[in-house]
Protein backbone atom coordinates (compact mmCIF):
# COMPACT_ATOMS: atom_id res chain seq x y z
CA MET A 1 93.62 106.85 109.49
CA MET A 2 94.43 104.09 107.03
CA ALA A 3 91.97 103.10 104.34
CA ARG A 4 90.10 99.85 103.98
CA GLY A 5 91.15 97.99 100.89
CA PHE A 6 90.77 95.09 98.52
CA ILE A 7 92.43 93.72 95.40
CA VAL A 8 90.79 93.14 92.02
CA ALA A 9 92.38 90.09 90.41
CA ALA A 10 91.53 87.35 87.90
CA PRO A 11 92.60 83.87 86.83
CA ARG A 12 94.23 85.27 83.67
CA SER A 13 94.79 88.34 81.54
CA GLY A 14 91.87 89.52 79.44
CA SER A 15 89.24 88.70 82.07
CA GLY A 16 88.08 92.31 82.45
CA LYS A 17 90.00 93.41 85.57
CA THR A 18 90.61 96.93 84.30
CA ILE A 19 87.01 97.53 83.26
CA VAL A 20 85.69 96.25 86.61
CA THR A 21 88.31 98.19 88.57
CA LEU A 22 87.61 101.48 86.79
CA GLY A 23 83.86 101.04 87.12
CA ILE A 24 84.12 100.34 90.85
CA LEU A 25 86.49 103.28 91.40
CA ALA A 26 84.20 105.68 89.54
CA ALA A 27 81.07 104.36 91.25
CA LEU A 28 82.58 104.65 94.74
CA LYS A 29 83.83 108.16 94.01
CA ARG A 30 80.21 109.09 93.15
CA ARG A 31 79.32 108.22 96.72
CA GLY A 32 81.64 110.94 97.97
CA LEU A 33 84.29 108.52 99.22
CA THR A 34 87.99 109.33 99.02
CA ILE A 35 89.34 106.62 96.74
CA ARG A 36 92.96 105.74 96.00
CA ALA A 37 94.24 103.09 93.66
CA ALA A 38 97.42 101.28 92.64
CA LYS A 39 98.48 98.84 89.94
CA SER A 40 100.28 95.59 90.65
CA GLY A 41 103.31 95.10 88.43
CA PRO A 42 105.24 97.43 86.11
CA ASP A 43 102.36 98.53 83.84
CA TYR A 44 102.63 102.27 83.06
CA ILE A 45 99.27 102.77 81.41
CA ASP A 46 96.56 101.63 83.85
CA PRO A 47 97.52 104.05 86.67
CA ALA A 48 96.56 107.02 84.48
CA PHE A 49 93.07 105.54 84.09
CA HIS A 50 92.93 105.07 87.88
CA ALA A 51 93.84 108.72 88.37
CA ALA A 52 91.07 109.81 86.00
CA ALA A 53 88.53 107.67 87.87
CA THR A 54 89.57 108.70 91.40
CA GLY A 55 90.83 112.23 90.92
CA ALA A 56 94.09 111.28 92.66
CA GLY A 57 97.44 109.86 91.59
CA SER A 58 97.97 106.11 91.28
CA PHE A 59 101.19 104.19 91.82
CA ASN A 60 102.70 100.88 90.76
CA LEU A 61 103.39 98.21 93.39
CA ASP A 62 105.78 95.49 92.28
CA SER A 63 106.91 92.79 94.70
CA TRP A 64 109.86 91.70 92.54
CA ALA A 65 111.30 95.06 91.51
CA MET A 66 110.54 96.91 94.76
CA PRO A 67 112.02 95.98 98.14
CA PRO A 68 109.37 95.32 100.82
CA SER A 69 110.23 98.56 102.60
CA LEU A 70 109.48 100.57 99.46
CA LEU A 71 106.20 98.71 98.92
CA ASP A 72 105.16 99.50 102.47
CA ALA A 73 106.11 103.15 102.13
CA LEU A 74 104.12 103.56 98.92
CA VAL A 75 101.04 101.86 100.37
CA VAL A 76 101.15 103.94 103.55
CA ASP A 77 101.55 107.17 101.58
CA THR A 78 98.78 106.23 99.15
CA ALA A 79 96.23 104.81 101.56
CA CYS A 80 96.65 107.15 104.51
CA GLY A 81 93.65 109.47 104.75
CA ALA A 82 91.64 107.63 102.10
CA ASP A 83 88.41 105.75 102.66
CA ILE A 84 89.01 102.94 100.19
CA PHE A 85 92.23 101.66 98.60
CA VAL A 86 91.95 99.40 95.53
CA ILE A 87 94.80 97.50 93.88
CA GLU A 88 94.30 96.28 90.33
CA GLY A 89 96.13 93.05 89.63
CA ALA A 90 98.09 92.08 86.54
CA MET A 91 97.83 88.83 84.58
CA GLY A 92 96.56 85.98 86.77
CA LEU A 93 96.44 86.22 90.56
CA PHE A 94 99.37 83.83 91.09
CA ASP A 95 101.36 84.65 87.94
CA GLY A 96 104.91 85.73 88.70
CA VAL A 97 108.51 84.63 88.43
CA SER A 98 110.42 82.05 90.44
CA GLY A 99 112.39 83.44 93.33
CA SER A 100 112.31 84.10 97.03
CA PRO A 101 108.92 83.88 98.77
CA GLY A 102 106.89 87.08 98.51
CA ARG A 103 109.15 88.48 95.75
CA SER A 104 107.63 86.87 92.64
CA GLY A 105 105.96 89.97 91.19
CA ALA A 106 102.56 88.25 91.46
CA VAL A 107 99.60 90.16 92.84
CA ALA A 108 99.21 87.30 95.35
CA ASP A 109 102.38 88.60 97.04
CA LEU A 110 100.63 91.90 97.72
CA ALA A 111 97.48 90.19 98.95
CA ALA A 112 99.50 88.17 101.46
CA ARG A 113 101.78 91.01 102.59
CA LEU A 114 99.00 93.58 102.96
CA ARG A 115 96.40 91.05 104.18
CA LEU A 116 93.90 92.33 101.67
CA PRO A 117 90.94 90.28 100.38
CA VAL A 118 90.76 89.45 96.68
CA LEU A 119 87.76 90.18 94.49
CA LEU A 120 88.11 87.65 91.67
CA VAL A 121 86.86 88.68 88.21
CA LEU A 122 85.76 85.66 86.18
CA ASP A 123 85.26 85.74 82.43
CA VAL A 124 82.52 83.08 82.24
CA SER A 125 82.01 83.21 78.49
CA GLY A 126 82.13 79.67 77.17
CA GLN A 127 81.42 77.99 80.52
CA SER A 128 78.80 77.79 83.25
CA GLN A 129 79.04 75.52 86.33
CA SER A 130 82.71 74.82 85.56
CA ALA A 131 83.43 78.33 86.82
CA ALA A 132 82.85 76.99 90.34
CA ALA A 133 85.80 74.62 89.93
CA VAL A 134 87.99 77.58 88.99
CA VAL A 135 86.85 79.48 92.09
CA ARG A 136 87.43 76.44 94.30
CA GLY A 137 90.97 76.06 92.97
CA PHE A 138 91.83 79.70 93.51
CA ALA A 139 90.29 79.73 96.99
CA LEU A 140 92.30 76.70 98.12
CA HIS A 141 95.56 77.28 96.26
CA ASP A 142 97.26 79.40 98.95
CA SER A 143 96.04 79.65 102.53
CA ALA A 144 97.53 83.16 102.82
CA ILE A 145 95.17 84.45 100.12
CA ARG A 146 91.50 85.11 100.88
CA ILE A 147 89.03 85.25 98.00
CA CYS A 148 86.28 87.45 99.43
CA GLY A 149 83.99 87.04 96.45
CA VAL A 150 83.69 87.02 92.69
CA VAL A 151 82.36 89.18 89.89
CA LEU A 152 81.09 87.34 86.85
CA ASN A 153 81.99 89.03 83.59
CA ARG A 154 80.69 88.57 80.04
CA VAL A 155 77.55 86.74 81.12
CA GLY A 156 75.46 85.64 78.14
CA SER A 157 71.94 85.50 79.58
CA GLU A 158 69.89 85.36 82.76
CA ARG A 159 69.94 81.56 82.63
CA HIS A 160 73.72 81.63 82.23
CA ARG A 161 74.05 83.93 85.25
CA ARG A 162 71.83 81.69 87.38
CA LEU A 163 73.71 78.50 86.54
CA VAL A 164 77.10 80.00 87.38
CA THR A 165 75.92 81.83 90.50
CA GLU A 166 74.22 78.79 91.98
CA ALA A 167 77.29 76.61 91.40
CA ILE A 168 79.62 79.11 93.08
CA ALA A 169 77.18 79.78 95.94
CA ARG A 170 77.49 76.11 96.96
CA LEU A 171 81.14 76.80 97.75
CA GLY A 172 80.20 79.48 100.27
CA VAL A 173 81.86 82.18 98.13
CA ALA A 174 79.94 85.41 97.57
CA VAL A 175 78.97 86.42 94.05
CA TYR A 176 78.89 90.21 94.06
CA GLY A 177 77.34 90.56 90.65
CA ALA A 178 77.28 89.59 87.00
CA ILE A 179 78.11 91.91 84.10
CA PRO A 180 76.47 91.09 80.76
CA ARG A 181 78.55 90.58 77.67
CA ASP A 182 78.94 94.00 76.05
CA ASP A 183 81.71 94.73 73.55
CA ALA A 184 81.08 98.45 73.97
CA LEU A 185 82.63 98.27 77.46
CA ALA A 186 86.06 97.35 76.09
CA LEU A 187 88.80 99.96 75.94
CA PRO A 188 90.84 100.13 72.71
CA GLU A 189 94.33 98.64 72.76
CA ARG A 190 97.62 98.91 70.89
CA HIS A 191 100.96 97.09 71.00
CA LEU A 192 101.99 98.04 74.55
CA GLY A 193 98.55 97.83 76.18
CA LEU A 194 95.54 100.11 76.33
CA VAL A 195 95.43 103.29 74.32
CA GLN A 196 96.55 105.83 76.90
CA ALA A 197 94.07 107.68 79.09
CA SER A 198 95.23 111.07 77.79
CA GLU A 199 94.25 110.05 74.24
CA HIS A 200 90.56 109.49 75.06
CA ALA A 201 88.61 112.70 74.49
CA ASP A 202 85.54 110.90 75.87
CA LEU A 203 87.21 109.37 78.93
CA THR A 204 84.88 111.07 81.43
CA ALA A 205 81.87 109.73 79.57
CA ARG A 206 83.43 106.26 79.42
CA LEU A 207 84.04 106.27 83.17
CA ASP A 208 80.48 107.45 83.82
CA CYS A 209 79.19 104.57 81.70
CA LEU A 210 81.32 102.07 83.62
CA ALA A 211 80.13 103.49 86.93
CA ASP A 212 76.52 103.12 85.74
CA LYS A 213 77.17 99.47 84.86
CA MET A 214 78.72 98.67 88.23
CA GLU A 215 75.92 100.39 90.12
CA ARG A 216 73.39 98.40 88.13
CA TYR A 217 75.00 94.96 88.15
CA LEU A 218 77.22 94.77 91.27
CA ASP A 219 76.51 94.70 94.98
CA LEU A 220 78.83 97.58 95.80
CA ASP A 221 77.75 97.60 99.45
CA GLY A 222 78.82 93.98 99.70
CA VAL A 223 82.18 94.76 98.09
CA LEU A 224 82.73 97.62 100.55
CA ALA A 225 81.80 95.42 103.49
CA ALA A 226 84.42 92.87 102.41
CA ALA A 227 87.25 95.43 102.39
CA THR A 228 89.66 95.21 105.32
CA ARG A 229 91.61 97.89 107.17
CA LEU A 230 95.24 98.40 106.16
CA ASP A 231 96.51 98.46 109.72
CA CYS A 232 99.41 96.04 109.30
CA LEU A 233 101.96 98.57 108.02
CA VAL A 234 104.08 101.31 109.53
CA PRO A 235 105.67 104.18 107.59
CA ALA A 236 109.07 103.30 106.18
CA ASN A 237 111.67 104.68 103.83
CA GLY A 238 112.32 102.47 100.85
CA PRO A 239 115.33 102.61 98.48
CA ALA A 240 113.72 104.48 95.59
CA LEU A 241 115.82 105.90 92.76
CA PRO A 242 117.68 109.04 93.87
CA PRO A 243 117.04 112.21 91.84
CA PRO A 244 119.58 112.54 89.02
CA GLY A 245 119.88 116.27 89.56
CA GLN A 246 118.47 119.30 91.31
CA ARG A 247 116.52 120.57 88.28
CA ILE A 248 115.41 117.77 85.96
CA ALA A 249 114.25 118.46 82.39
CA LEU A 250 111.62 115.79 81.76
CA ALA A 251 110.23 115.11 78.27
CA VAL A 252 106.43 114.94 78.58
CA ASP A 253 104.04 114.57 75.66
CA ALA A 254 102.29 111.87 73.61
CA ALA A 255 105.66 110.36 72.61
CA PHE A 256 107.13 110.37 76.13
CA THR A 257 104.66 109.22 78.77
CA PHE A 258 106.15 106.21 80.55
CA ALA A 259 107.54 107.72 83.74
CA TYR A 260 106.81 105.91 86.99
CA ALA A 261 104.80 108.08 89.37
CA HIS A 262 106.62 106.78 92.45
CA VAL A 263 109.99 107.73 90.94
CA LEU A 264 108.90 111.29 90.12
CA ASP A 265 107.26 111.63 93.53
CA HIS A 266 110.45 110.55 95.29
CA TRP A 267 112.51 113.01 93.28
CA ARG A 268 110.22 115.85 94.35
CA ARG A 269 110.27 114.75 97.99
CA ALA A 270 114.06 114.68 97.86
CA GLY A 271 114.00 118.36 96.88
CA ALA A 272 114.43 118.10 93.11
CA GLU A 273 112.41 120.24 90.73
CA ILE A 274 110.97 118.61 87.61
CA ILE A 275 110.65 120.90 84.59
CA PRO A 276 108.54 119.38 81.77
CA PHE A 277 109.13 120.11 78.09
CA SER A 278 107.65 118.71 74.88
CA PRO A 279 109.86 117.39 72.06
CA LEU A 280 106.77 117.00 69.86
CA ALA A 281 106.15 120.74 70.28
CA ASP A 282 109.79 121.23 69.17
CA GLN A 283 110.85 122.43 72.61
CA PRO A 284 114.48 121.95 73.70
CA PRO A 285 115.28 120.94 77.27
CA PRO A 286 115.23 124.07 79.48
CA GLU A 287 118.66 125.62 79.86
CA ASN A 288 118.24 126.15 83.60
CA CYS A 289 118.22 122.36 84.24
CA ASP A 290 121.21 120.24 85.16
CA VAL A 291 120.03 116.87 83.75
CA CYS A 292 117.63 115.73 81.02
CA TRP A 293 115.49 112.57 81.21
CA LEU A 294 113.70 111.13 78.17
CA PRO A 295 111.23 108.50 79.40
CA GLY A 296 109.67 105.73 77.35
CA GLY A 297 106.50 106.06 75.35
CA TYR A 298 105.54 105.84 71.71
CA PRO A 299 108.19 107.67 69.66
CA GLU A 300 107.66 105.13 66.85
CA LEU A 301 104.16 106.56 66.35
CA SER A 302 105.51 110.13 66.12
CA ALA A 303 108.87 109.49 64.48
CA GLY A 304 108.18 111.88 61.59
CA HIS A 305 107.29 114.73 63.94
CA LEU A 306 110.36 114.10 66.09
CA ALA A 307 112.60 114.00 63.03
CA ALA A 308 111.27 117.43 62.02
CA ALA A 309 111.69 118.91 65.52
CA ARG A 310 114.94 120.74 64.77
CA ARG A 311 114.90 123.02 67.84
CA PHE A 312 114.46 120.00 70.09
CA ARG A 313 117.26 118.04 68.42
CA ASP A 314 119.71 120.94 68.34
CA GLY A 315 118.82 121.96 71.88
CA LEU A 316 119.29 118.44 73.21
CA SER A 317 122.67 118.18 71.49
CA GLY A 318 123.78 121.44 73.07
CA PHE A 319 122.48 120.36 76.45
CA ALA A 320 124.38 117.04 76.24
CA ALA A 321 127.66 118.86 75.63
CA THR A 322 127.72 120.00 79.26
CA ARG A 323 125.10 118.00 81.20
CA PRO A 324 123.86 114.41 81.48
CA VAL A 325 121.08 113.14 79.22
CA HIS A 326 119.43 109.76 79.79
CA GLY A 327 116.84 107.89 77.73
CA GLU A 328 114.71 104.91 78.73
CA CYS A 329 113.26 102.60 76.07
CA GLY A 330 111.48 105.05 73.74
CA GLY A 331 113.83 107.78 74.98
CA TYR A 332 116.75 105.49 74.16
CA MET A 333 115.38 105.04 70.64
CA VAL A 334 115.25 108.82 70.15
CA LEU A 335 118.86 109.20 71.33
CA GLY A 336 119.96 106.89 68.50
CA GLU A 337 120.64 107.70 64.87
CA GLY A 338 117.26 106.72 63.49
CA ILE A 339 113.93 104.91 63.90
CA LYS A 340 112.19 102.84 61.24
CA ASP A 341 108.44 103.11 61.67
CA ALA A 342 105.91 100.32 61.10
CA GLU A 343 105.96 100.98 57.33
CA GLY A 344 109.75 100.68 57.19
CA VAL A 345 110.35 104.41 56.68
CA ARG A 346 113.52 105.60 58.40
CA HIS A 347 113.38 108.84 60.39
CA ALA A 348 116.54 110.54 61.60
CA MET A 349 116.78 110.97 65.36
CA THR A 350 119.19 112.92 67.55
CA GLY A 351 122.29 110.81 66.81
CA LEU A 352 123.68 111.34 70.30
CA LEU A 353 124.19 107.56 70.49
CA ALA A 354 125.28 105.31 67.63
CA HIS A 355 122.52 102.69 67.46
CA ALA A 356 119.42 102.61 65.27
CA THR A 357 116.08 100.92 65.96
CA SER A 358 113.20 99.52 63.96
CA PHE A 359 109.53 99.13 64.70
CA ALA A 360 109.05 97.48 61.31
CA LYS A 361 111.04 94.44 62.45
CA ARG A 362 109.01 93.83 65.56
CA ARG A 363 109.94 91.33 68.25
CA LEU A 364 108.61 91.27 71.79
CA HIS A 365 111.18 91.89 74.51
CA LEU A 366 109.54 91.37 77.91
CA GLY A 367 110.66 90.63 81.43
CA TYR A 368 112.12 91.77 84.71
CA ARG A 369 115.72 92.96 84.66
CA GLU A 370 118.37 93.55 87.29
CA ALA A 371 121.06 95.91 86.09
CA ARG A 372 124.54 96.55 87.43
CA LEU A 373 125.65 99.98 86.24
CA LEU A 374 128.99 99.94 84.47
CA ALA A 375 129.39 103.73 84.71
CA GLU A 376 127.81 106.64 86.51
CA SER A 377 124.57 107.80 84.92
CA PRO A 378 121.30 109.49 85.93
CA ILE A 379 120.09 106.02 87.06
CA GLY A 380 122.81 105.86 89.73
CA PRO A 381 126.54 105.56 90.45
CA ALA A 382 128.82 103.00 88.83
CA GLY A 383 128.55 99.60 90.48
CA SER A 384 125.07 100.17 91.86
CA VAL A 385 122.31 97.64 91.16
CA VAL A 386 118.85 98.64 89.97
CA ARG A 387 115.79 96.52 89.34
CA GLY A 388 113.29 97.22 86.61
CA HIS A 389 111.49 95.95 83.56
CA GLU A 390 111.79 95.67 79.79
CA PHE A 391 108.75 95.71 77.49
CA HIS A 392 109.07 96.78 73.87
CA TYR A 393 108.68 95.58 70.31
CA ALA A 394 111.40 97.71 68.74
CA THR A 395 114.64 96.01 67.75
CA LEU A 396 118.19 97.18 67.25
CA VAL A 397 119.00 97.19 63.54
CA SER A 398 122.59 98.32 63.99
CA ALA A 399 124.77 97.07 66.81
CA PRO A 400 125.58 99.73 69.38
CA LYS A 401 129.06 101.14 68.77
CA ASP A 402 129.15 102.98 72.07
CA GLU A 403 130.28 101.58 75.40
CA PRO A 404 127.58 99.53 77.21
CA LEU A 405 125.84 101.05 80.21
CA VAL A 406 124.60 98.04 82.18
CA ASP A 407 125.25 94.36 82.79
CA LEU A 408 121.84 92.66 82.86
CA VAL A 409 120.43 89.52 84.41
CA ASP A 410 116.82 88.35 84.24
CA ALA A 411 114.51 87.50 87.14
CA ARG A 412 116.07 84.02 87.47
CA GLY A 413 119.54 85.52 87.67
CA ASP A 414 120.50 84.27 84.21
CA ALA A 415 122.99 86.53 82.45
CA LEU A 416 121.67 88.59 79.54
CA GLY A 417 124.95 90.36 78.87
CA MET A 418 125.95 93.97 78.41
CA ALA A 419 123.26 96.34 77.22
CA GLY A 420 122.46 99.98 76.76
CA SER A 421 124.83 102.67 75.54
CA ARG A 422 126.96 105.52 76.84
CA ARG A 423 128.90 108.18 75.03
CA GLY A 424 130.18 111.21 76.85
CA ARG A 425 127.38 112.49 79.06
CA VAL A 426 124.65 110.63 77.12
CA THR A 427 123.29 107.29 78.34
CA GLY A 428 120.35 105.10 77.49
CA THR A 429 118.83 101.62 77.80
CA PHE A 430 115.70 99.71 76.80
CA PHE A 431 115.45 98.87 80.51
CA HIS A 432 113.01 100.88 82.69
CA ALA A 433 114.42 101.50 86.18
CA ILE A 434 111.95 100.96 89.04
CA ALA A 435 113.96 100.86 92.29
CA GLN A 436 117.37 100.31 93.76
CA ALA A 437 118.06 96.71 94.68
CA GLU A 438 118.34 95.94 98.35
CA THR A 439 121.82 96.01 99.81
CA MET A 440 122.73 92.84 101.64
């Protein structure tokens, strides 16, 4: 049986979606319900918090990067057998890129496709009755989107709560609760988002606290009653990334954490075996593997440790002499000759590719990417097209001297030029692959 579900969204980033989502997930799990969750968009970090709150894996759902058939397959797999399925939105409800209808990357695309109601989180600090105008606008903006109710966040006082609630109630929109302003509820952040779930020694206590808050301040029964059954989908097979080998050596530790759960899950379902190893623990890729994958993460925060990891560096070099090695974003940085950390100190990396990167000269690189592969690599065969995302602050401080790996365009189809690097069996890009593009 398919779950009932709803989407937690907001008018903008920073409204408190993640805090509200995690609190609701943890509170509903306390009731003995089987809860599953997903994250709209390409964010790597939030799904790990979802998994901690629900006790089950969480996936990304991205309407731009993923073909509809893959979206449907992931939702069916995730929601089947669960009681409640919750999607956490990204940015504002309608924020996306221009393009074909339903393929903007906005969480509104998911709400329309899956016919799920939206629970709108409003940061009402600095306003009172004006919040009703915001709700009215969001409720009327798109007839395919149903706002089932709102949660008021960062409420300053009982009088403040009453003024906002009464104004919204006149619209006929349910107010499911009001959460007082409390800086202690915030989760710490760094340059790519929240500090990762695995780095919080007190995560269980944090989730318990959030569950307490939601039980105290929200009408959880009302939220559950608003959820609708996901009965509009049928199982399908979407064009996920094929496994790059039969036995895949995957770097997994605090420096290498950004691997999409749906990609790894598809590799396993296709019969591949994933063998984790830790570069920070100075472990080389296992010799019994036929491909090595270095995902993104935070190598700039551990550059000194990676530079000192001689067994890892020598082992990776030996591995690359006979088998493919691929690095994404942070993994790409480690495959280069060196990384400058935030203080400008240069740390030698593996040198398997000829570029060097700097975190001291920071510049935001952000956006969807469509990549045509110029050569065969663990991402796919030459000529294939893959969609994904780029999000990093590191910059190239020496131009790549190797052959490029991909020809990139952005979400509008505007050319970004050749990017990435390839030398022998070693490849890498700043671009994170999410799914194969649809074939026409």
